[in-house]
Amino acid sequence: MEERHAALMDILCLANRISRECAMLEGVKRSAGVSGVNARILAYHINHEGGEVYQRDLEEEFSIRRSTVSKILGLMEQKGLVRRISVERDARLKRILVTDAARELCQSASSELTAFEVQATRDLNGEEIEALRALLKRIDGALTQ
């Protein structure tokens, strides 16, 4: 096999292995009934902690229609992951709050992901990790041109 193709195969094999490992970490979310889109919404909210998050923010961020976001949030409320609170200045506007249970779930998933990342990069120093990330960004950039 040509060396250039060998590198591509190495990347594909590693991506598959990382994907399998991350899927096992997903067990925490699945056991709590959290879908992938639920997890992304929770992560978005937690990353915007301190600010207010509204349904329209999610519509814009994820390019999802109002009716779809409304349905997703309704299901997330039933699961105890979020609460929608009317805003005094405009009753049509609903502020979205993440529940403590959702926060704990995100913390647990984040801890598992951090532990996996530490394990996966334990033989690399900080400079090597930066170089790897820079190379991956260059490859991604070449593919998006």
Protein backbone atom coordinates (compact mmCIF):
# COMPACT_ATOMS: atom_id res chain seq x y z
CA MET A 1 0.00 0.00 0.00
CA GLU A 2 1.28 3.44 -0.87
CA GLU A 3 2.45 5.42 2.19
CA ARG A 4 0.00 8.25 1.46
CA HIS A 5 -2.92 5.82 1.50
CA ALA A 6 -1.57 4.17 4.65
CA ALA A 7 -1.92 7.48 6.49
CA LEU A 8 -5.53 7.79 5.36
CA MET A 9 -6.25 4.25 6.51
CA ASP A 10 -4.63 5.00 9.88
CA ILE A 11 -6.92 8.02 10.27
CA LEU A 12 -10.01 5.99 9.31
CA CYS A 13 -9.16 3.16 11.70
CA LEU A 14 -8.50 5.57 14.55
CA ALA A 15 -11.71 7.48 13.84
CA ASN A 16 -13.68 4.22 13.97
CA ARG A 17 -12.07 3.22 17.25
CA ILE A 18 -12.71 6.62 18.83
CA SER A 19 -16.30 6.48 17.57
CA ARG A 20 -16.81 3.06 19.20
CA GLU A 21 -15.30 4.27 22.49
CA CYS A 22 -17.48 7.40 22.50
CA ALA A 23 -20.56 5.29 21.74
CA MET A 24 -19.89 3.36 24.94
CA LEU A 25 -19.74 6.67 26.82
CA GLU A 26 -23.13 7.47 25.31
CA GLY A 27 -24.59 4.76 27.55
CA VAL A 28 -24.90 7.32 30.33
CA LYS A 29 -27.04 9.55 28.13
CA ARG A 30 -29.14 6.69 26.78
CA SER A 31 -29.87 5.35 30.25
CA ALA A 32 -31.30 8.79 31.08
CA GLY A 33 -33.27 8.91 27.81
CA VAL A 34 -31.16 11.71 26.34
CA SER A 35 -30.93 11.82 22.55
CA GLY A 36 -28.07 13.33 20.59
CA VAL A 37 -30.01 16.52 19.90
CA ASN A 38 -30.97 16.74 23.60
CA ALA A 39 -27.28 16.50 24.52
CA ARG A 40 -26.34 19.24 22.02
CA ILE A 41 -29.06 21.53 23.37
CA LEU A 42 -27.91 20.94 26.94
CA ALA A 43 -24.29 21.55 25.97
CA TYR A 44 -25.29 24.77 24.17
CA HIS A 45 -27.19 25.96 27.23
CA ILE A 46 -24.40 25.12 29.64
CA ASN A 47 -21.86 26.87 27.37
CA HIS A 48 -24.06 29.98 27.53
CA GLU A 49 -24.45 29.86 31.31
CA GLY A 50 -24.86 33.29 32.78
CA GLY A 51 -26.84 34.48 29.79
CA GLU A 52 -30.45 33.82 29.01
CA VAL A 53 -31.34 31.14 26.47
CA TYR A 54 -34.61 31.24 24.56
CA GLN A 55 -36.24 28.91 22.06
CA ARG A 56 -35.34 31.24 19.19
CA ASP A 57 -31.64 30.93 20.14
CA LEU A 58 -31.88 27.18 19.63
CA GLU A 59 -33.77 27.62 16.35
CA GLU A 60 -30.94 29.81 15.04
CA GLU A 61 -28.05 27.79 16.47
CA PHE A 62 -29.21 24.43 15.16
CA SER A 63 -31.14 25.61 12.09
CA ILE A 64 -34.30 23.92 13.35
CA ARG A 65 -37.86 25.12 12.76
CA ARG A 66 -39.85 26.61 15.62
CA SER A 67 -42.29 23.69 15.73
CA THR A 68 -39.43 21.16 15.90
CA VAL A 69 -37.66 23.00 18.72
CA SER A 70 -40.94 23.32 20.58
CA LYS A 71 -41.55 19.57 20.32
CA ILE A 72 -37.97 18.75 21.40
CA LEU A 73 -38.20 21.08 24.39
CA GLY A 74 -41.56 19.60 25.36
CA LEU A 75 -40.04 16.11 25.42
CA MET A 76 -37.03 17.41 27.34
CA GLU A 77 -39.41 18.91 29.91
CA GLN A 78 -41.16 15.54 30.27
CA LYS A 79 -37.76 13.92 30.89
CA GLY A 80 -36.97 16.50 33.55
CA LEU A 81 -34.04 18.02 31.64
CA VAL A 82 -35.30 21.57 31.11
CA ARG A 83 -37.98 23.99 32.26
CA ARG A 84 -39.56 26.75 30.19
CA ILE A 85 -40.37 29.90 32.10
CA SER A 86 -42.50 32.78 30.76
CA VAL A 87 -40.73 36.12 30.67
CA GLU A 88 -42.56 38.99 32.42
CA ARG A 89 -41.93 41.51 29.64
CA ASP A 90 -43.37 39.19 26.95
CA ALA A 91 -45.56 36.18 27.87
CA ARG A 92 -44.93 34.67 24.42
CA LEU A 93 -41.21 34.48 25.17
CA LYS A 94 -40.04 31.41 27.11
CA ARG A 95 -36.69 31.31 28.88
CA ILE A 96 -35.14 27.85 28.97
CA LEU A 97 -33.57 26.63 32.19
CA VAL A 98 -31.54 23.44 32.58
CA THR A 99 -32.52 21.32 35.58
CA ASP A 100 -30.07 20.11 38.20
CA ALA A 101 -30.59 16.54 36.95
CA ALA A 102 -29.53 17.57 33.43
CA ARG A 103 -26.55 19.46 34.82
CA GLU A 104 -25.43 16.36 36.73
CA LEU A 105 -25.85 14.23 33.63
CA CYS A 106 -23.74 16.64 31.58
CA GLN A 107 -21.09 16.73 34.29
CA SER A 108 -20.94 12.93 34.36
CA ALA A 109 -20.68 12.68 30.57
CA SER A 110 -18.04 15.42 30.50
CA SER A 111 -16.00 13.64 33.18
CA GLU A 112 -16.13 10.40 31.21
CA LEU A 113 -15.10 12.16 28.01
CA THR A 114 -12.22 13.92 29.79
CA ALA A 115 -11.00 10.62 31.24
CA PHE A 116 -11.16 9.03 27.78
CA GLU A 117 -9.24 11.93 26.23
CA VAL A 118 -6.55 11.70 28.93
CA GLN A 119 -6.22 7.96 28.26
CA ALA A 120 -6.08 8.44 24.49
CA THR A 121 -3.40 11.15 24.66
CA ARG A 122 -1.37 9.93 27.63
CA ASP A 123 1.70 9.21 25.48
CA LEU A 124 1.68 12.69 23.92
CA ASN A 125 3.07 15.86 25.45
CA GLY A 126 1.37 19.25 25.14
CA GLU A 127 3.40 20.26 22.11
CA GLU A 128 2.54 17.02 20.31
CA ILE A 129 -1.16 17.46 21.06
CA GLU A 130 -1.05 21.00 19.64
CA ALA A 131 0.77 19.72 16.53
CA LEU A 132 -1.77 16.92 16.08
CA ARG A 133 -4.67 19.35 16.35
CA ALA A 134 -3.02 21.71 13.86
CA LEU A 135 -2.51 18.86 11.38
CA LEU A 136 -6.10 17.67 11.77
CA LYS A 137 -7.35 21.22 11.16
CA ARG A 138 -5.24 21.44 8.01
CA ILE A 139 -6.62 18.14 6.73
CA ASP A 140 -10.17 19.30 7.52
CA GLY A 141 -9.50 22.58 5.75
CA ALA A 142 -8.25 20.77 2.67
CA LEU A 143 -11.42 18.68 2.59
CA THR A 144 -13.72 21.69 2.88
CA GLN A 145 -12.15 23.63 -0.01
